[in-house]
Amino acid sequence: MEDPRALIAREPMHYRQVIAVGIATALNALDGFDVLSISFAAPGIARDWGIDRAALGLVLSMELFGMGIGAFVLGNLADKVGRRPMLLACLVIMSIGMALASTAATVPILSAYRLFTGLGIGGMLAATNAVVAECSNARRRNLTVAIMAGGYPMGAIVGGSAASWLLAATGRWESVFQFGAVVTVCFIPLVLWLVPETMAFLLLKRPAGALDKINRTLERQGRAPIAAMPPADPVPQKAGVSALFAPGMAHVTIMLTATYFFHMMTFYFLVKWIPKIVVDLGFPPALAGGVLVWGNVGGAIGSIAVSLLSQKVGIRPVVVATMFLGAMAVVVFGQGAVTLGSLSVIAAIACFFANGATAGLYAVIAQSYPAALRAGGTGLVIGIGRAGAALGPILAGVLFTAGWSLAPVAIALGCGTLVGGVLLSLTRYRESAIA
């Protein structure tokens, strides 16, 4: 009797598998909009509440803290309760958080709601990764994971365009969160209808009724059911966190964590503050959101470009070069262009390099660890790096409040990616570790 996982890995993907991957990609796009919804709303919040930039920077960062917690806690929980229940739970959390954010009247309350929303976003990121990898065959797995990752900036593009239209039509920042809540709720029946629990999870955890659920999925895919569950996998011995800091690995772990931390600081300064910066340059909030949309267009193209170029050159030199160029582009953006078109072009270029470097870093992290440490190493690097993501917008807000103009703030925050590029160039690892 053949293991269904081997069947899925070997045979062409059924249209139901493609639909599940498509839903997961759309969920990642939803994450992209939900993360940046506060950026589109920020100019209106600052106008209505009269808050300074330091307070605004804190609000802009709160869901990033939640994402780090959610990725760790809910991501681990998805390995215990299942991918499908976690997708549904995260959608509920995100829809409630977005709806509540539209009712907030003070900075502490809005910060709490954004932190809560971030829990769902972080858990969603972990669950969708698992769904795509486990619903794809071996030949298409890398492609489908790349497509899913591209959903994140696409969500910011499509959702950002909708947000700009809403801001122009209503003049209310609350409408951005209300729109996000409605769209998030609409995904709940789609997941219930079109995304079954993955067979990989059912075969690994073997919950009650696992065989019936596997056979139901197989039959819907036009495949023959199985009579009994295949033999259970041996339980692997888990490598502890201490192994990531053992001789030969400590340098890699420390350097990659620092690289990701500093780059995230620059990246999220850029994507979180663009609308408010554009408004402060004298443009209306509805048009300021459009500049961030163009930034995400550049980011989506940058991810594809880095992936393609790395096939010819090698991933680390491409990422190092992209980070250096990204730091320069952030500094140029800080010079404050005088037209909306030039601001959009510069934002697109800066996000092209910043997002391209981010996508490339995930591949670098994966090939830096042997198989036994890869999941733990990746989780540690990205988890701590989220602190850098949260620090960037906060630090920018503090500097703006202290009287710094845009140009020196952009130079200071751009140094994060520059430092990250230097650290990555000094990191010693064997690319054969990917095997």
Protein backbone atom coordinates (compact mmCIF):
# COMPACT_ATOMS: atom_id res chain seq x y z
CA MET A 1 0.00 0.00 0.00
CA GLU A 2 1.47 3.33 -1.08
CA ASP A 3 1.78 6.22 1.35
CA PRO A 4 -0.53 9.05 0.14
CA ARG A 5 2.29 11.53 0.70
CA ALA A 6 4.42 9.74 -1.86
CA LEU A 7 1.47 9.79 -4.25
CA ILE A 8 0.97 13.54 -3.79
CA ALA A 9 4.69 14.19 -4.21
CA ARG A 10 4.96 12.17 -7.44
CA GLU A 11 1.77 12.81 -9.39
CA PRO A 12 0.60 16.01 -11.16
CA MET A 13 -1.36 18.39 -8.98
CA HIS A 14 -5.14 18.03 -9.05
CA TYR A 15 -7.16 21.21 -9.51
CA ARG A 16 -8.31 20.96 -5.89
CA GLN A 17 -4.68 21.13 -4.77
CA VAL A 18 -4.18 24.16 -6.99
CA ILE A 19 -7.26 25.80 -5.44
CA ALA A 20 -5.91 25.16 -1.91
CA VAL A 21 -2.60 26.76 -2.88
CA GLY A 22 -4.50 29.67 -4.43
CA ILE A 23 -6.51 30.20 -1.24
CA ALA A 24 -3.31 30.10 0.83
CA THR A 25 -1.74 32.67 -1.50
CA ALA A 26 -4.82 34.89 -1.14
CA LEU A 27 -4.58 34.52 2.65
CA ASN A 28 -0.96 35.67 2.49
CA ALA A 29 -2.13 38.63 0.41
CA LEU A 30 -4.69 39.35 3.12
CA ASP A 31 -1.83 39.33 5.63
CA GLY A 32 0.02 41.85 3.47
CA PHE A 33 -2.92 44.24 3.49
CA ASP A 34 -3.66 43.79 7.20
CA VAL A 35 -0.05 44.54 8.15
CA LEU A 36 0.04 47.75 6.11
CA SER A 37 -3.53 48.89 6.78
CA ILE A 38 -2.25 50.95 9.70
CA SER A 39 0.18 52.67 7.32
CA PHE A 40 -2.65 53.76 5.02
CA ALA A 41 -4.68 54.94 8.02
CA ALA A 42 -1.77 56.66 9.81
CA PRO A 43 -2.07 60.14 8.25
CA GLY A 44 -5.76 60.34 9.18
CA ILE A 45 -5.10 59.07 12.71
CA ALA A 46 -2.40 61.67 13.26
CA ARG A 47 -4.70 64.40 11.90
CA ASP A 48 -7.77 63.44 13.95
CA TRP A 49 -6.02 62.70 17.23
CA GLY A 50 -3.24 65.28 17.04
CA ILE A 51 -0.62 62.77 18.18
CA ASP A 52 3.10 63.27 17.67
CA ARG A 53 5.29 61.04 15.54
CA ALA A 54 6.71 59.11 18.49
CA ALA A 55 3.24 57.91 19.48
CA LEU A 56 2.41 57.17 15.85
CA GLY A 57 5.59 55.11 15.49
CA LEU A 58 4.50 52.95 18.43
CA VAL A 59 1.09 52.33 16.87
CA LEU A 60 2.71 51.45 13.54
CA SER A 61 4.79 48.74 15.22
CA MET A 62 2.32 47.01 17.49
CA GLU A 63 1.10 44.31 15.11
CA LEU A 64 4.74 43.45 14.36
CA PHE A 65 5.19 42.49 18.01
CA GLY A 66 2.01 40.44 17.75
CA MET A 67 3.25 38.76 14.58
CA GLY A 68 6.38 37.54 16.33
CA ILE A 69 4.35 36.09 19.20
CA GLY A 70 1.73 34.64 16.88
CA ALA A 71 4.28 32.99 14.60
CA PHE A 72 5.88 31.23 17.56
CA VAL A 73 2.82 30.32 19.62
CA LEU A 74 0.14 29.74 16.97
CA GLY A 75 2.65 28.30 14.51
CA ASN A 76 3.59 25.61 17.02
CA LEU A 77 -0.08 25.09 17.84
CA ALA A 78 -0.80 24.46 14.15
CA ASP A 79 1.51 21.43 14.38
CA LYS A 80 -0.71 20.06 17.16
CA VAL A 81 -4.29 20.95 16.20
CA GLY A 82 -3.96 21.10 12.41
CA ARG A 83 -3.44 23.61 9.63
CA ARG A 84 -7.12 24.10 8.76
CA PRO A 85 -8.33 24.88 12.32
CA MET A 86 -5.46 27.34 12.71
CA LEU A 87 -6.30 29.11 9.45
CA LEU A 88 -9.88 29.53 10.65
CA ALA A 89 -8.84 30.67 14.13
CA CYS A 90 -6.43 33.25 12.69
CA LEU A 91 -9.11 34.58 10.35
CA VAL A 92 -11.44 35.06 13.33
CA ILE A 93 -8.69 36.84 15.30
CA MET A 94 -7.79 39.09 12.36
CA SER A 95 -11.39 40.03 11.53
CA ILE A 96 -12.16 40.90 15.15
CA GLY A 97 -8.94 42.88 15.48
CA MET A 98 -9.56 44.87 12.29
CA ALA A 99 -13.16 45.62 13.27
CA LEU A 100 -12.13 46.75 16.75
CA ALA A 101 -9.36 48.97 15.33
CA SER A 102 -12.02 50.98 13.48
CA THR A 103 -13.65 51.82 16.82
CA ALA A 104 -10.51 52.90 18.69
CA ALA A 105 -10.37 56.44 20.05
CA THR A 106 -7.03 56.47 21.88
CA VAL A 107 -3.47 55.39 21.15
CA PRO A 108 -3.32 52.69 23.88
CA ILE A 109 -6.60 51.12 22.74
CA LEU A 110 -5.60 51.12 19.06
CA SER A 111 -2.18 49.69 19.98
CA ALA A 112 -3.84 46.85 21.89
CA TYR A 113 -6.14 46.05 18.97
CA ARG A 114 -3.22 46.06 16.52
CA LEU A 115 -1.23 43.77 18.82
CA PHE A 116 -4.19 41.38 18.88
CA THR A 117 -4.51 41.52 15.08
CA GLY A 118 -0.81 40.74 14.75
CA LEU A 119 -1.27 37.47 16.64
CA GLY A 120 -3.57 36.25 13.89
CA ILE A 121 -1.30 37.53 11.10
CA GLY A 122 1.74 35.74 12.53
CA GLY A 123 -0.14 32.49 13.00
CA MET A 124 -1.54 32.75 9.47
CA LEU A 125 1.96 33.12 8.00
CA ALA A 126 3.07 29.89 9.67
CA ALA A 127 -0.06 27.93 8.73
CA THR A 128 -0.17 28.99 5.07
CA ASN A 129 3.47 27.98 4.59
CA ALA A 130 2.63 24.49 5.81
CA VAL A 131 -0.52 24.22 3.68
CA VAL A 132 1.26 25.15 0.45
CA ALA A 133 4.23 22.86 1.04
CA GLU A 134 2.00 19.91 1.95
CA CYS A 135 -0.55 20.38 -0.85
CA SER A 136 2.07 20.60 -3.63
CA ASN A 137 3.88 17.87 -5.50
CA ALA A 138 7.66 17.67 -5.37
CA ARG A 139 8.15 19.20 -8.82
CA ARG A 140 6.05 22.30 -8.15
CA ARG A 141 6.71 22.82 -4.44
CA ASN A 142 9.38 25.51 -4.78
CA LEU A 143 7.27 27.32 -7.37
CA THR A 144 4.11 27.27 -5.27
CA VAL A 145 5.93 28.47 -2.16
CA ALA A 146 7.41 31.34 -4.21
CA ILE A 147 3.96 32.21 -5.57
CA MET A 148 2.54 32.21 -2.05
CA ALA A 149 5.32 34.52 -0.84
CA GLY A 150 4.50 36.88 -3.70
CA GLY A 151 0.96 37.16 -2.37
CA TYR A 152 2.17 39.37 0.49
CA PRO A 153 3.15 42.45 -1.57
CA MET A 154 0.27 41.78 -3.97
CA GLY A 155 -2.13 42.11 -1.06
CA ALA A 156 -0.62 45.47 -0.21
CA ILE A 157 -0.99 46.53 -3.86
CA VAL A 158 -4.63 45.50 -4.32
CA GLY A 159 -5.71 46.33 -0.78
CA GLY A 160 -3.75 49.56 -0.83
CA SER A 161 -5.48 50.66 -4.01
CA ALA A 162 -8.83 49.94 -2.36
CA ALA A 163 -7.74 51.80 0.77
CA SER A 164 -6.71 54.85 -1.27
CA TRP A 165 -10.10 54.86 -2.98
CA LEU A 166 -11.91 54.53 0.35
CA LEU A 167 -9.91 57.37 1.89
CA ALA A 168 -10.72 59.59 -1.07
CA ALA A 169 -14.42 58.62 -1.01
CA THR A 170 -15.06 58.79 2.74
CA GLY A 171 -12.23 60.84 4.24
CA ARG A 172 -12.33 58.46 7.21
CA TRP A 173 -9.32 56.35 8.23
CA GLU A 174 -11.71 53.95 9.99
CA SER A 175 -12.98 52.76 6.61
CA VAL A 176 -9.61 51.08 5.91
CA PHE A 177 -10.00 48.77 8.91
CA GLN A 178 -13.69 48.17 8.23
CA PHE A 179 -12.85 47.10 4.68
CA GLY A 180 -10.16 44.75 6.00
CA ALA A 181 -12.56 43.20 8.52
CA VAL A 182 -15.22 42.50 5.87
CA VAL A 183 -12.74 40.94 3.43
CA THR A 184 -11.23 38.80 6.20
CA VAL A 185 -14.64 37.44 7.22
CA CYS A 186 -15.34 36.51 3.57
CA PHE A 187 -12.38 34.12 3.62
CA ILE A 188 -13.84 31.97 6.42
CA PRO A 189 -16.39 30.11 4.24
CA LEU A 190 -13.80 29.75 1.47
CA VAL A 191 -11.41 27.95 3.83
CA LEU A 192 -14.22 25.79 5.21
CA TRP A 193 -15.29 24.80 1.70
CA LEU A 194 -12.06 24.56 -0.28
CA VAL A 195 -9.14 23.88 2.10
CA PRO A 196 -9.18 20.39 3.71
CA GLU A 197 -6.75 19.37 6.41
CA THR A 198 -3.48 18.33 4.77
CA MET A 199 -2.83 14.62 4.44
CA ALA A 200 0.70 15.15 5.72
CA PHE A 201 -0.66 16.42 9.05
CA LEU A 202 -3.27 13.66 9.30
CA LEU A 203 -0.67 10.95 8.64
CA LEU A 204 1.77 12.46 11.11
CA LYS A 205 -0.59 13.19 14.03
CA ARG A 206 -3.28 10.54 13.29
CA PRO A 207 -6.24 12.22 15.05
CA ALA A 208 -9.62 10.49 15.36
CA GLY A 209 -11.21 9.98 11.94
CA ALA A 210 -7.92 10.58 10.11
CA LEU A 211 -8.41 7.70 7.66
CA ASP A 212 -11.90 8.90 6.67
CA LYS A 213 -10.64 12.45 6.12
CA ILE A 214 -7.70 11.22 4.02
CA ASN A 215 -9.95 9.05 1.86
CA ARG A 216 -12.43 11.88 1.40
CA THR A 217 -9.63 14.12 0.12
CA LEU A 218 -8.24 11.36 -2.12
CA GLU A 219 -11.66 10.71 -3.67
CA ARG A 220 -12.25 14.41 -4.33
CA GLN A 221 -8.92 14.43 -6.16
CA GLY A 222 -9.99 11.46 -8.28
CA ARG A 223 -7.61 9.04 -6.52
CA ALA A 224 -8.27 5.64 -5.04
CA PRO A 225 -8.90 5.50 -1.26
CA ILE A 226 -6.61 3.54 1.04
CA ALA A 227 -7.79 0.61 3.17
CA ALA A 228 -5.68 1.40 6.21
CA MET A 229 -3.23 3.95 7.51
CA PRO A 230 0.40 3.33 6.47
CA PRO A 231 2.95 2.67 9.24
CA ALA A 232 3.58 5.66 11.47
CA ASP A 233 6.76 7.64 11.01
CA PRO A 234 9.45 7.18 13.65
CA VAL A 235 9.47 10.06 16.10
CA PRO A 236 12.66 12.07 15.44
CA GLN A 237 14.83 13.26 18.28
CA LYS A 238 14.50 17.02 18.53
CA ALA A 239 17.61 19.16 18.47
CA GLY A 240 17.60 21.72 21.26
CA VAL A 241 18.22 25.44 20.94
CA SER A 242 21.67 24.88 22.42
CA ALA A 243 22.67 23.09 19.21
CA LEU A 244 22.25 26.37 17.33
CA PHE A 245 25.00 27.84 19.48
CA ALA A 246 27.32 24.83 19.47
CA PRO A 247 30.86 25.18 18.08
CA GLY A 248 30.66 25.67 14.32
CA MET A 249 27.07 26.94 14.44
CA ALA A 250 27.16 29.81 16.95
CA HIS A 251 28.81 32.18 14.48
CA VAL A 252 26.18 31.43 11.82
CA THR A 253 23.26 31.85 14.22
CA ILE A 254 24.49 35.11 15.73
CA MET A 255 25.47 36.70 12.41
CA LEU A 256 22.28 35.75 10.57
CA THR A 257 20.10 36.88 13.47
CA ALA A 258 21.86 40.26 13.53
CA THR A 259 21.64 40.55 9.73
CA TYR A 260 17.90 39.90 9.71
CA PHE A 261 17.31 42.18 12.71
CA PHE A 262 19.05 45.22 11.17
CA HIS A 263 17.55 44.72 7.73
CA MET A 264 14.02 44.41 9.15
CA MET A 265 14.56 47.68 11.01
CA THR A 266 15.14 49.49 7.71
CA PHE A 267 12.52 47.58 5.74
CA TYR A 268 9.63 48.30 8.11
CA PHE A 269 10.66 51.92 8.60
CA LEU A 270 10.23 52.29 4.86
CA VAL A 271 6.90 50.51 4.37
CA LYS A 272 5.30 51.81 7.58
CA TRP A 273 6.21 55.48 7.26
CA ILE A 274 5.83 56.11 3.51
CA PRO A 275 2.21 57.41 3.62
CA LYS A 276 2.82 59.73 6.60
CA ILE A 277 6.05 61.04 5.03
CA VAL A 278 4.27 61.78 1.75
CA VAL A 279 1.45 63.62 3.56
CA ASP A 280 4.00 65.68 5.49
CA LEU A 281 5.50 66.69 2.14
CA GLY A 282 2.16 68.31 1.30
CA PHE A 283 0.17 65.63 -0.55
CA PRO A 284 -3.36 64.43 0.41
CA PRO A 285 -3.70 61.12 2.33
CA ALA A 286 -5.57 59.36 -0.50
CA LEU A 287 -2.66 59.98 -2.89
CA ALA A 288 -0.08 59.12 -0.23
CA GLY A 289 -1.47 55.57 -0.06
CA GLY A 290 -0.84 55.27 -3.79
CA VAL A 291 2.89 55.86 -3.24
CA LEU A 292 2.99 52.86 -0.88
CA VAL A 293 1.12 50.81 -3.48
CA TRP A 294 3.84 51.59 -6.02
CA GLY A 295 6.42 50.71 -3.39
CA ASN A 296 4.88 47.26 -3.09
CA VAL A 297 4.82 46.87 -6.87
CA GLY A 298 8.58 47.39 -6.76
CA GLY A 299 8.82 44.96 -3.85
CA ALA A 300 6.98 42.21 -5.71
CA ILE A 301 9.22 42.64 -8.76
CA GLY A 302 12.29 42.69 -6.52
CA SER A 303 11.44 39.30 -5.02
CA ILE A 304 11.15 37.75 -8.47
CA ALA A 305 14.31 39.41 -9.73
CA VAL A 306 16.44 38.24 -6.80
CA SER A 307 15.12 34.69 -7.16
CA LEU A 308 15.96 34.59 -10.87
CA LEU A 309 19.36 36.25 -10.50
CA SER A 310 20.38 33.91 -7.70
CA GLN A 311 20.07 30.97 -10.11
CA LYS A 312 22.97 32.42 -12.09
CA VAL A 313 25.16 34.05 -9.45
CA GLY A 314 24.43 32.44 -6.07
CA ILE A 315 22.07 33.71 -3.43
CA ARG A 316 24.41 35.32 -0.88
CA PRO A 317 26.31 37.71 -3.20
CA VAL A 318 23.01 38.74 -4.76
CA VAL A 319 21.47 39.48 -1.35
CA VAL A 320 24.54 41.38 -0.11
CA ALA A 321 24.58 43.55 -3.23
CA THR A 322 20.83 44.09 -2.99
CA MET A 323 21.11 45.19 0.64
CA PHE A 324 23.85 47.73 -0.17
CA LEU A 325 21.78 49.15 -3.03
CA GLY A 326 18.69 49.13 -0.83
CA ALA A 327 20.43 51.24 1.82
CA MET A 328 21.37 53.78 -0.85
CA ALA A 329 17.80 53.85 -2.19
CA VAL A 330 16.35 54.54 1.27
CA VAL A 331 18.74 57.50 1.65
CA VAL A 332 17.66 58.83 -1.76
CA PHE A 333 14.00 58.50 -0.75
CA GLY A 334 14.79 60.61 2.30
CA GLN A 335 15.82 63.55 0.14
CA GLY A 336 12.10 64.24 -0.39
CA ALA A 337 11.17 64.44 -4.07
CA VAL A 338 8.92 67.32 -5.11
CA THR A 339 6.36 65.47 -7.25
CA LEU A 340 4.10 62.53 -6.49
CA GLY A 341 5.36 60.67 -9.56
CA SER A 342 9.00 60.94 -8.52
CA LEU A 343 8.14 59.88 -4.97
CA SER A 344 6.35 56.81 -6.36
CA VAL A 345 9.32 55.88 -8.55
CA ILE A 346 11.83 56.27 -5.72
CA ALA A 347 9.59 54.31 -3.32
CA ALA A 348 9.27 51.52 -5.90
CA ILE A 349 13.05 51.37 -6.35
CA ALA A 350 13.71 51.38 -2.60
CA CYS A 351 11.16 48.60 -2.00
CA PHE A 352 12.50 46.67 -5.00
CA PHE A 353 15.83 46.29 -3.23
CA ALA A 354 14.46 46.06 0.33
CA ASN A 355 11.87 43.38 -0.42
CA GLY A 356 14.20 41.55 -2.80
CA ALA A 357 16.78 41.31 -0.03
CA THR A 358 14.14 40.08 2.41
CA ALA A 359 13.06 37.29 0.06
CA GLY A 360 16.68 36.31 -0.57
CA LEU A 361 17.46 36.20 3.13
CA TYR A 362 14.97 33.38 3.65
CA ALA A 363 16.91 31.26 1.15
CA VAL A 364 20.23 32.20 2.78
CA ILE A 365 18.91 31.21 6.20
CA ALA A 366 17.66 27.87 4.87
CA GLN A 367 20.99 26.92 3.32
CA SER A 368 22.97 28.05 6.36
CA TYR A 369 21.76 25.21 8.60
CA PRO A 370 21.94 21.42 8.26
CA ALA A 371 18.61 19.64 7.97
CA ALA A 372 18.44 18.74 11.67
CA LEU A 373 18.68 22.41 12.70
CA ARG A 374 16.99 24.16 9.80
CA ALA A 375 13.51 24.67 11.26
CA GLY A 376 14.79 25.71 14.69
CA GLY A 377 17.43 28.00 13.22
CA THR A 378 14.99 29.66 10.87
CA GLY A 379 12.46 30.20 13.66
CA LEU A 380 15.05 31.73 15.97
CA VAL A 381 16.47 34.09 13.34
CA ILE A 382 13.10 35.31 12.11
CA GLY A 383 11.55 35.47 15.58
CA ILE A 384 14.26 37.72 17.01
CA GLY A 385 14.39 39.65 13.76
CA ARG A 386 10.78 40.73 14.31
CA ALA A 387 12.08 42.88 17.16
CA GLY A 388 14.06 44.82 14.55
CA ALA A 389 10.90 45.14 12.46
CA ALA A 390 9.09 46.69 15.41
CA LEU A 391 12.05 48.90 16.38
CA GLY A 392 12.35 50.60 12.98
CA PRO A 393 9.05 52.52 12.96
CA ILE A 394 9.37 53.34 16.68
CA LEU A 395 12.91 54.69 16.31
CA ALA A 396 11.87 56.78 13.31
CA GLY A 397 9.00 58.27 15.32
CA VAL A 398 11.32 59.17 18.19
CA LEU A 399 13.81 60.84 15.83
CA PHE A 400 11.08 62.80 14.04
CA THR A 401 9.69 63.98 17.39
CA ALA A 402 13.17 65.03 18.49
CA GLY A 403 13.27 67.44 15.56
CA TRP A 404 15.15 65.41 12.96
CA SER A 405 14.13 66.06 9.37
CA LEU A 406 13.40 63.31 6.85
CA ALA A 407 16.88 63.25 5.28
CA PRO A 408 18.90 62.40 8.44
CA VAL A 409 16.22 59.95 9.63
CA ALA A 410 16.43 58.12 6.30
CA ILE A 411 20.22 58.01 6.56
CA ALA A 412 20.08 56.67 10.13
CA LEU A 413 17.47 54.01 9.36
CA GLY A 414 19.04 53.13 6.02
CA CYS A 415 22.18 52.16 7.92
CA GLY A 416 20.30 49.14 9.26
CA THR A 417 20.28 47.42 5.88
CA LEU A 418 23.85 48.58 5.26
CA VAL A 419 25.02 46.97 8.51
CA GLY A 420 23.04 43.84 7.66
CA GLY A 421 24.78 43.57 4.29
CA VAL A 422 28.21 43.88 5.91
CA LEU A 423 27.36 41.23 8.51
CA LEU A 424 26.05 38.84 5.87
CA SER A 425 29.21 39.26 3.79
CA LEU A 426 31.23 38.26 6.87
CA THR A 427 29.09 35.24 7.73
CA ARG A 428 30.84 31.88 7.25
CA TYR A 429 28.65 28.95 6.24
CA ARG A 430 28.65 26.05 3.84
CA GLU A 431 26.04 26.21 1.09
CA SER A 432 26.08 22.39 0.97
CA ALA A 433 24.16 22.54 4.27
CA ILE A 434 20.96 22.78 2.26
CA ALA A 435 21.21 19.08 1.41
